[in-house]
Amino acid sequence: MKMIILIVKDHDADAVTQALTAEKYRVTRVASTGGFLRSGIVTLLLGVLDERVESCLELIRAKLPPLPSGERRATLFVVPVERFEQV
């Protein structure tokens, strides 16, 4: 299992979240601030099975195509999960 940590701009978060949940990914959304002028950003946390990681990343990339200016639209991390438990 992997944890995908996706940091996106506030105005991109809804489209990405809706696309992910439509494909049955479970998403936790955390409002946060950072970057230039403390603009609104959102951190999305996804626990993803190893065999679904690449399809999840493809979906994210499809929802966040590059901007003409070359500005990046998201930062993401894929982190191994040693243990997962729901209580």
Protein backbone atom coordinates (compact mmCIF):
# COMPACT_ATOMS: atom_id res chain seq x y z
CA MET A 1 0.00 0.00 0.00
CA LYS A 2 1.09 3.56 -0.69
CA MET A 3 0.08 6.95 0.64
CA ILE A 4 -0.30 9.58 -2.07
CA ILE A 5 0.02 13.11 -0.74
CA LEU A 6 -1.23 15.57 -3.34
CA ILE A 7 -0.88 19.33 -2.84
CA VAL A 8 -3.03 21.36 -5.25
CA LYS A 9 -4.38 24.86 -5.54
CA ASP A 10 -7.76 25.40 -3.96
CA HIS A 11 -9.51 26.00 -7.30
CA ASP A 12 -8.22 22.67 -8.72
CA ALA A 13 -9.08 20.55 -5.69
CA ASP A 14 -12.78 19.95 -6.37
CA ALA A 15 -12.29 18.58 -9.89
CA VAL A 16 -9.51 16.25 -8.74
CA THR A 17 -11.45 15.08 -5.68
CA GLN A 18 -14.59 14.36 -7.71
CA ALA A 19 -12.64 12.41 -10.33
CA LEU A 20 -10.87 10.35 -7.68
CA THR A 21 -14.01 9.52 -5.71
CA ALA A 22 -15.85 8.62 -8.94
CA GLU A 23 -13.17 5.94 -9.47
CA LYS A 24 -13.63 4.68 -5.89
CA TYR A 25 -10.49 6.18 -4.40
CA ARG A 26 -10.94 7.31 -0.81
CA VAL A 27 -9.74 10.87 -0.33
CA THR A 28 -9.12 12.93 2.80
CA ARG A 29 -9.01 16.66 2.14
CA VAL A 30 -7.04 19.00 4.38
CA ALA A 31 -7.23 22.77 3.87
CA SER A 32 -3.87 24.46 4.19
CA THR A 33 -1.93 27.55 3.15
CA GLY A 34 1.49 28.08 1.73
CA GLY A 35 3.53 29.30 -1.17
CA PHE A 36 3.67 32.77 -2.62
CA LEU A 37 1.33 35.23 -0.86
CA ARG A 38 0.03 32.38 1.31
CA SER A 39 -2.43 31.41 -1.42
CA GLY A 40 -5.06 28.77 -0.65
CA ILE A 41 -3.97 25.23 -1.24
CA VAL A 42 -5.44 21.86 -0.42
CA THR A 43 -3.64 18.70 0.63
CA LEU A 44 -5.30 15.47 -0.44
CA LEU A 45 -4.35 12.21 1.27
CA LEU A 46 -5.07 8.91 -0.47
CA GLY A 47 -4.34 5.39 0.72
CA VAL A 48 -3.91 3.38 -2.48
CA LEU A 49 -3.20 -0.29 -3.12
CA ASP A 50 0.10 -0.85 -4.92
CA GLU A 51 -1.58 -2.13 -8.09
CA ARG A 52 -3.74 1.02 -8.36
CA VAL A 53 -1.04 3.65 -7.82
CA GLU A 54 -0.20 4.22 -11.50
CA SER A 55 -3.85 4.48 -12.56
CA CYS A 56 -4.42 6.98 -9.74
CA LEU A 57 -1.47 9.10 -10.85
CA GLU A 58 -2.70 8.99 -14.47
CA LEU A 59 -6.11 10.23 -13.35
CA ILE A 60 -4.54 13.08 -11.38
CA ARG A 61 -2.38 14.10 -14.36
CA ALA A 62 -5.44 14.02 -16.65
CA LYS A 63 -7.31 16.40 -14.34
CA LEU A 64 -4.34 18.76 -14.00
CA PRO A 65 -2.95 19.32 -17.51
CA PRO A 66 0.05 21.67 -17.78
CA LEU A 67 -0.63 25.39 -17.92
CA PRO A 68 0.59 27.36 -20.97
CA SER A 69 2.82 29.39 -18.67
CA GLY A 70 4.66 26.24 -17.61
CA GLU A 71 3.58 26.75 -14.00
CA ARG A 72 3.18 23.51 -12.05
CA ARG A 73 -0.32 22.75 -10.84
CA ALA A 74 0.41 20.22 -8.11
CA THR A 75 3.06 18.55 -6.03
CA LEU A 76 2.67 14.91 -5.14
CA PHE A 77 4.47 12.36 -3.03
CA VAL A 78 4.08 8.59 -3.12
CA VAL A 79 5.12 7.14 0.22
CA PRO A 80 5.20 3.46 1.25
CA VAL A 81 2.81 2.53 4.06
CA GLU A 82 4.17 0.03 6.53
CA ARG A 83 0.87 -0.44 8.34
CA PHE A 84 -2.73 0.52 7.73
CA GLU A 85 -5.48 0.18 10.31
CA GLN A 86 -8.98 1.53 10.80
CA VAL A 87 -10.33 1.75 14.36
